[in-house]
């Protein structure tokens, strides 16, 4: 439904298509910024987008604001 509203607001089908990508990038950035301080430096490659998706995307760390909005 949010995609439909965004499409109606923007009037461009391409903007509606980019919403999942933007949400995924936000999830990645929130998770990595929280994880970087506690993650072992020897395994820092796991925090690159490709490897992060394999290791952490199923259960990303969330910000406190995410829990408040739910």
PDB file of N, CA and C in Angstrom:
ATOM      1  N   UNK A   1       0.819  -1.195   0.000  1.00  0.00           N
ATOM      2  CA  UNK A   1       0.000   0.000   0.000  1.00  0.00           C
ATOM      3  C   UNK A   1       0.866   1.263   0.000  1.00  0.00           C
ATOM      4  N   UNK A   2       1.972   1.237   0.745  1.00  0.00           N
ATOM      5  CA  UNK A   2       2.853   2.397   0.760  1.00  0.00           C
ATOM      6  C   UNK A   2       3.443   2.655  -0.617  1.00  0.00           C
ATOM      7  N   UNK A   3       3.712   1.581  -1.363  1.00  0.00           N
ATOM      8  CA  UNK A   3       4.249   1.752  -2.705  1.00  0.00           C
ATOM      9  C   UNK A   3       3.233   2.460  -3.579  1.00  0.00           C
ATOM     10  N   UNK A   4       1.967   2.080  -3.459  1.00  0.00           N
ATOM     11  CA  UNK A   4       0.910   2.712  -4.246  1.00  0.00           C
ATOM     12  C   UNK A   4       0.798   4.189  -3.894  1.00  0.00           C
ATOM     13  N   UNK A   5       0.838   4.504  -2.609  1.00  0.00           N
ATOM     14  CA  UNK A   5       0.743   5.908  -2.202  1.00  0.00           C
ATOM     15  C   UNK A   5       1.930   6.706  -2.708  1.00  0.00           C
ATOM     16  N   UNK A   6       3.118   6.116  -2.649  1.00  0.00           N
ATOM     17  CA  UNK A   6       4.303   6.817  -3.134  1.00  0.00           C
ATOM     18  C   UNK A   6       4.191   7.051  -4.635  1.00  0.00           C
ATOM     19  N   UNK A   7       3.698   6.071  -5.345  1.00  0.00           N
ATOM     20  CA  UNK A   7       3.525   6.209  -6.782  1.00  0.00           C
ATOM     21  C   UNK A   7       2.536   7.327  -7.095  1.00  0.00           C
ATOM     22  N   UNK A   8       1.435   7.362  -6.342  1.00  0.00           N
ATOM     23  CA  UNK A   8       0.427   8.401  -6.569  1.00  0.00           C
ATOM     24  C   UNK A   8       0.988   9.783  -6.241  1.00  0.00           C
ATOM     25  N   UNK A   9       1.817   9.852  -5.193  1.00  0.00           N
ATOM     26  CA  UNK A   9       2.379  11.136  -4.798  1.00  0.00           C
ATOM     27  C   UNK A   9       3.404  11.618  -5.812  1.00  0.00           C
ATOM     28  N   UNK A  10       4.277  10.740  -6.249  1.00  0.00           N
ATOM     29  CA  UNK A  10       5.339  11.114  -7.169  1.00  0.00           C
ATOM     30  C   UNK A  10       4.864  11.159  -8.612  1.00  0.00           C
ATOM     31  N   UNK A  11       3.899  10.303  -8.953  1.00  0.00           N
ATOM     32  CA  UNK A  11       3.432  10.256 -10.324  1.00  0.00           C
ATOM     33  C   UNK A  11       4.403   9.584 -11.270  1.00  0.00           C
ATOM     34  N   UNK A  12       5.305   8.794 -10.727  1.00  0.00           N
ATOM     35  CA  UNK A  12       6.316   8.141 -11.548  1.00  0.00           C
ATOM     36  C   UNK A  12       6.454   6.688 -11.109  1.00  0.00           C
ATOM     37  N   UNK A  13       6.234   5.736 -12.006  1.00  0.00           N
ATOM     38  CA  UNK A  13       6.341   4.331 -11.616  1.00  0.00           C
ATOM     39  C   UNK A  13       7.740   3.946 -11.142  1.00  0.00           C
ATOM     40  N   UNK A  14       8.763   4.602 -11.639  1.00  0.00           N
ATOM     41  CA  UNK A  14      10.139   4.261 -11.229  1.00  0.00           C
ATOM     42  C   UNK A  14      10.385   4.598  -9.771  1.00  0.00           C
ATOM     43  N   UNK A  15       9.752   5.643  -9.243  1.00  0.00           N
ATOM     44  CA  UNK A  15       9.947   5.966  -7.828  1.00  0.00           C
ATOM     45  C   UNK A  15       9.353   4.880  -6.944  1.00  0.00           C
ATOM     46  N   UNK A  16       8.242   4.293  -7.348  1.00  0.00           N
ATOM     47  CA  UNK A  16       7.639   3.201  -6.578  1.00  0.00           C
ATOM     48  C   UNK A  16       8.523   1.963  -6.614  1.00  0.00           C
ATOM     49  N   UNK A  17       9.215   1.734  -7.720  1.00  0.00           N
ATOM     50  CA  UNK A  17      10.092   0.580  -7.829  1.00  0.00           C
ATOM     51  C   UNK A  17      11.324   0.701  -6.948  1.00  0.00           C
ATOM     52  N   UNK A  18      11.760   1.906  -6.645  1.00  0.00           N
ATOM     53  CA  UNK A  18      12.984   2.090  -5.871  1.00  0.00           C
ATOM     54  C   UNK A  18      12.755   2.006  -4.363  1.00  0.00           C
ATOM     55  N   UNK A  19      11.518   1.987  -3.913  1.00  0.00           N
ATOM     56  CA  UNK A  19      11.252   1.939  -2.476  1.00  0.00           C
ATOM     57  C   UNK A  19      11.854   0.732  -1.771  1.00  0.00           C
ATOM     58  N   UNK A  20      11.730  -0.488  -2.294  1.00  0.00           N
ATOM     59  CA  UNK A  20      12.357  -1.620  -1.595  1.00  0.00           C
ATOM     60  C   UNK A  20      13.871  -1.477  -1.488  1.00  0.00           C
ATOM     61  N   UNK A  21      14.500  -0.905  -2.485  1.00  0.00           N
ATOM     62  CA  UNK A  21      15.946  -0.703  -2.448  1.00  0.00           C
ATOM     63  C   UNK A  21      16.322   0.284  -1.356  1.00  0.00           C
ATOM     64  N   UNK A  22      15.575   1.355  -1.230  1.00  0.00           N
ATOM     65  CA  UNK A  22      15.846   2.364  -0.205  1.00  0.00           C
ATOM     66  C   UNK A  22      15.646   1.770   1.188  1.00  0.00           C
ATOM     67  N   UNK A  23      14.598   1.005   1.376  1.00  0.00           N
ATOM     68  CA  UNK A  23      14.340   0.374   2.679  1.00  0.00           C
ATOM     69  C   UNK A  23      15.451  -0.608   3.021  1.00  0.00           C
ATOM     70  N   UNK A  24      15.930  -1.372   2.037  1.00  0.00           N
ATOM     71  CA  UNK A  24      17.023  -2.312   2.280  1.00  0.00           C
ATOM     72  C   UNK A  24      18.310  -1.602   2.653  1.00  0.00           C
ATOM     73  N   UNK A  25      18.590  -0.488   2.003  1.00  0.00           N
ATOM     74  CA  UNK A  25      19.784   0.283   2.329  1.00  0.00           C
ATOM     75  C   UNK A  25      19.693   0.838   3.744  1.00  0.00           C
ATOM     76  N   UNK A  26      18.518   1.290   4.126  1.00  0.00           N
ATOM     77  CA  UNK A  26      18.332   1.813   5.483  1.00  0.00           C
ATOM     78  C   UNK A  26      18.561   0.714   6.511  1.00  0.00           C
ATOM     79  N   UNK A  27      18.000  -0.466   6.276  1.00  0.00           N
ATOM     80  CA  UNK A  27      18.194  -1.589   7.198  1.00  0.00           C
ATOM     81  C   UNK A  27      19.669  -1.947   7.320  1.00  0.00           C
ATOM     82  N   UNK A  28      20.361  -1.968   6.201  1.00  0.00           N
ATOM     83  CA  UNK A  28      21.788  -2.278   6.192  1.00  0.00           C
ATOM     84  C   UNK A  28      22.572  -1.246   7.001  1.00  0.00           C
ATOM     85  N   UNK A  29      22.343   0.030   6.737  1.00  0.00           N
ATOM     86  CA  UNK A  29      23.104   1.075   7.427  1.00  0.00           C
ATOM     87  C   UNK A  29      22.839   1.088   8.923  1.00  0.00           C
ATOM     88  N   UNK A  30      21.585   0.949   9.329  1.00  0.00           N
ATOM     89  CA  UNK A  30      21.246   0.934  10.756  1.00  0.00           C
ATOM     90  C   UNK A  30      21.941  -0.244  11.436  1.00  0.00           C
ATOM     91  N   UNK A  31      21.894  -1.409  10.813  1.00  0.00           N
ATOM     92  CA  UNK A  31      22.507  -2.598  11.395  1.00  0.00           C
ATOM     93  C   UNK A  31      24.021  -2.449  11.497  1.00  0.00           C
ATOM     94  N   UNK A  32      24.665  -2.054  10.406  1.00  0.00           N
ATOM     95  CA  UNK A  32      26.130  -1.970  10.401  1.00  0.00           C
ATOM     96  C   UNK A  32      26.633  -0.910  11.373  1.00  0.00           C
ATOM     97  N   UNK A  33      25.962   0.225  11.447  1.00  0.00           N
ATOM     98  CA  UNK A  33      26.413   1.270  12.371  1.00  0.00           C
ATOM     99  C   UNK A  33      26.309   0.826  13.830  1.00  0.00           C
ATOM    100  N   UNK A  34      25.351  -0.026  14.125  1.00  0.00           N
ATOM    101  CA  UNK A  34      25.250  -0.550  15.491  1.00  0.00           C
ATOM    102  C   UNK A  34      26.227  -1.704  15.724  1.00  0.00           C
ATOM    103  N   UNK A  35      26.478  -2.480  14.703  1.00  0.00           N
ATOM    104  CA  UNK A  35      27.291  -3.685  14.824  1.00  0.00           C
ATOM    105  C   UNK A  35      28.792  -3.392  14.781  1.00  0.00           C
ATOM    106  N   UNK A  36      29.211  -2.329  14.127  1.00  0.00           N
ATOM    107  CA  UNK A  36      30.627  -2.093  13.845  1.00  0.00           C
ATOM    108  C   UNK A  36      31.478  -2.020  15.120  1.00  0.00           C
ATOM    109  N   UNK A  37      30.961  -1.510  16.190  1.00  0.00           N
ATOM    110  CA  UNK A  37      31.736  -1.396  17.430  1.00  0.00           C
ATOM    111  C   UNK A  37      31.934  -2.704  18.160  1.00  0.00           C
ATOM    112  N   UNK A  38      31.072  -3.667  17.946  1.00  0.00           N
ATOM    113  CA  UNK A  38      31.158  -4.931  18.671  1.00  0.00           C
ATOM    114  C   UNK A  38      31.613  -6.095  17.789  1.00  0.00           C
ATOM    115  N   UNK A  39      31.700  -5.871  16.490  1.00  0.00           N
ATOM    116  CA  UNK A  39      32.059  -6.934  15.552  1.00  0.00           C
ATOM    117  C   UNK A  39      33.568  -7.128  15.544  1.00  0.00           C
ATOM    118  N   UNK A  40      34.043  -8.365  15.539  1.00  0.00           N
ATOM    119  CA  UNK A  40      35.498  -8.603  15.530  1.00  0.00           C
ATOM    120  C   UNK A  40      36.162  -8.025  14.283  1.00  0.00           C
ATOM    121  N   UNK A  41      37.275  -7.353  14.470  1.00  0.00           N
ATOM    122  CA  UNK A  41      37.950  -6.706  13.343  1.00  0.00           C
ATOM    123  C   UNK A  41      38.471  -7.721  12.331  1.00  0.00           C
ATOM    124  N   UNK A  42      38.753  -8.913  12.751  1.00  0.00           N
ATOM    125  CA  UNK A  42      39.232  -9.942  11.828  1.00  0.00           C
ATOM    126  C   UNK A  42      38.138 -10.379  10.845  1.00  0.00           C
ATOM    127  N   UNK A  43      36.880 -10.091  11.190  1.00  0.00           N
ATOM    128  CA  UNK A  43      35.754 -10.476  10.333  1.00  0.00           C
ATOM    129  C   UNK A  43      35.030  -9.262   9.766  1.00  0.00           C
ATOM    130  N   UNK A  44      35.722  -8.155   9.593  1.00  0.00           N
ATOM    131  CA  UNK A  44      35.105  -6.919   9.120  1.00  0.00           C
ATOM    132  C   UNK A  44      34.531  -7.071   7.712  1.00  0.00           C
ATOM    133  N   UNK A  45      35.052  -7.987   6.925  1.00  0.00           N
ATOM    134  CA  UNK A  45      34.528  -8.200   5.572  1.00  0.00           C
ATOM    135  C   UNK A  45      33.063  -8.618   5.598  1.00  0.00           C
ATOM    136  N   UNK A  46      32.618  -9.224   6.694  1.00  0.00           N
ATOM    137  CA  UNK A  46      31.211  -9.625   6.816  1.00  0.00           C
ATOM    138  C   UNK A  46      30.270  -8.425   6.824  1.00  0.00           C
ATOM    139  N   UNK A  47      30.785  -7.239   7.052  1.00  0.00           N
ATOM    140  CA  UNK A  47      29.948  -6.047   7.107  1.00  0.00           C
ATOM    141  C   UNK A  47      29.811  -5.358   5.754  1.00  0.00           C
ATOM    142  N   UNK A  48      30.436  -5.902   4.723  1.00  0.00           N
ATOM    143  CA  UNK A  48      30.209  -5.373   3.379  1.00  0.00           C
ATOM    144  C   UNK A  48      28.801  -5.791   2.947  1.00  0.00           C
ATOM    145  N   UNK A  49      28.159  -5.024   2.086  1.00  0.00           N
ATOM    146  CA  UNK A  49      26.761  -5.321   1.745  1.00  0.00           C
ATOM    147  C   UNK A  49      26.501  -6.755   1.269  1.00  0.00           C
ATOM    148  N   UNK A  50      27.371  -7.276   0.423  1.00  0.00           N
ATOM    149  CA  UNK A  50      27.143  -8.621  -0.112  1.00  0.00           C
ATOM    150  C   UNK A  50      27.201  -9.678   0.986  1.00  0.00           C
ATOM    151  N   UNK A  51      28.228  -9.632   1.831  1.00  0.00           N
ATOM    152  CA  UNK A  51      28.348 -10.627   2.896  1.00  0.00           C
ATOM    153  C   UNK A  51      27.385 -10.353   4.048  1.00  0.00           C
ATOM    154  N   UNK A  52      27.074  -9.083   4.299  1.00  0.00           N
ATOM    155  CA  UNK A  52      26.097  -8.757   5.337  1.00  0.00           C
ATOM    156  C   UNK A  52      24.758  -9.413   5.026  1.00  0.00           C
ATOM    157  N   UNK A  53      24.377  -9.365   3.762  1.00  0.00           N
ATOM    158  CA  UNK A  53      23.100  -9.958   3.361  1.00  0.00           C
ATOM    159  C   UNK A  53      23.068 -11.451   3.671  1.00  0.00           C
ATOM    160  N   UNK A  54      24.162 -12.144   3.457  1.00  0.00           N
ATOM    161  CA  UNK A  54      24.241 -13.575   3.747  1.00  0.00           C
ATOM    162  C   UNK A  54      24.211 -13.866   5.241  1.00  0.00           C
ATOM    163  N   UNK A  55      24.888 -13.038   6.041  1.00  0.00           N
ATOM    164  CA  UNK A  55      25.066 -13.331   7.460  1.00  0.00           C
ATOM    165  C   UNK A  55      24.024 -12.707   8.385  1.00  0.00           C
ATOM    166  N   UNK A  56      23.572 -11.500   8.071  1.00  0.00           N
ATOM    167  CA  UNK A  56      22.787 -10.751   9.042  1.00  0.00           C
ATOM    168  C   UNK A  56      21.425 -10.249   8.566  1.00  0.00           C
ATOM    169  N   UNK A  57      21.139 -10.280   7.293  1.00  0.00           N
ATOM    170  CA  UNK A  57      19.915  -9.671   6.767  1.00  0.00           C
ATOM    171  C   UNK A  57      18.646 -10.301   7.321  1.00  0.00           C
ATOM    172  N   UNK A  58      18.688 -11.574   7.648  1.00  0.00           N
ATOM    173  CA  UNK A  58      17.493 -12.250   8.163  1.00  0.00           C
ATOM    174  C   UNK A  58      17.093 -11.726   9.545  1.00  0.00           C
ATOM    175  N   UNK A  59      18.060 -11.229  10.303  1.00  0.00           N
ATOM    176  CA  UNK A  59      17.789 -10.742  11.655  1.00  0.00           C
ATOM    177  C   UNK A  59      18.645  -9.497  11.939  1.00  0.00           C
ATOM    178  N   UNK A  60      18.361  -8.379  11.268  1.00  0.00           N
ATOM    179  CA  UNK A  60      19.199  -7.188  11.456  1.00  0.00           C
ATOM    180  C   UNK A  60      18.957  -6.524  12.811  1.00  0.00           C
ATOM    181  N   UNK A  61      19.979  -5.847  13.284  1.00  0.00           N
ATOM    182  CA  UNK A  61      19.814  -5.032  14.486  1.00  0.00           C
ATOM    183  C   UNK A  61      18.933  -3.847  14.120  1.00  0.00           C
ATOM    184  N   UNK A  62      18.063  -3.449  15.014  1.00  0.00           N
ATOM    185  CA  UNK A  62      17.138  -2.341  14.759  1.00  0.00           C
ATOM    186  C   UNK A  62      17.445  -1.194  15.720  1.00  0.00           C
ATOM    187  N   UNK A  63      17.091  -0.007  15.319  1.00  0.00           N
ATOM    188  CA  UNK A  63      17.261   1.145  16.196  1.00  0.00           C
ATOM    189  C   UNK A  63      16.141   1.165  17.226  1.00  0.00           C
ATOM    190  N   UNK A  64      16.327   1.900  18.288  1.00  0.00           N
ATOM    191  CA  UNK A  64      15.286   2.047  19.302  1.00  0.00           C
ATOM    192  C   UNK A  64      14.045   2.710  18.715  1.00  0.00           C
ATOM    193  N   UNK A  65      14.221   3.578  17.751  1.00  0.00           N
ATOM    194  CA  UNK A  65      13.078   4.241  17.121  1.00  0.00           C
ATOM    195  C   UNK A  65      12.204   3.253  16.368  1.00  0.00           C
ATOM    196  N   UNK A  66      12.787   2.198  15.822  1.00  0.00           N
ATOM    197  CA  UNK A  66      12.016   1.176  15.127  1.00  0.00           C
ATOM    198  C   UNK A  66      11.027   0.523  16.104  1.00  0.00           C
ATOM    199  N   UNK A  67      11.475   0.231  17.305  1.00  0.00           N
ATOM    200  CA  UNK A  67      10.622  -0.419  18.299  1.00  0.00           C
ATOM    201  C   UNK A  67       9.516   0.504  18.786  1.00  0.00           C
ATOM    202  N   UNK A  68       9.782   1.795  18.867  1.00  0.00           N
ATOM    203  CA  UNK A  68       8.760   2.756  19.315  1.00  0.00           C
ATOM    204  C   UNK A  68       7.651   2.878  18.284  1.00  0.00           C
ATOM    205  N   UNK A  69       8.026   2.840  17.001  1.00  0.00           N
ATOM    206  CA  UNK A  69       7.031   3.033  15.946  1.00  0.00           C
ATOM    207  C   UNK A  69       6.151   1.808  15.736  1.00  0.00           C
ATOM    208  N   UNK A  70       6.480   0.703  16.340  1.00  0.00           N
ATOM    209  CA  UNK A  70       5.695  -0.527  16.167  1.00  0.00           C
ATOM    210  C   UNK A  70       4.593  -0.618  17.156  1.00  0.00           C
TER     211      UNK A  70
END
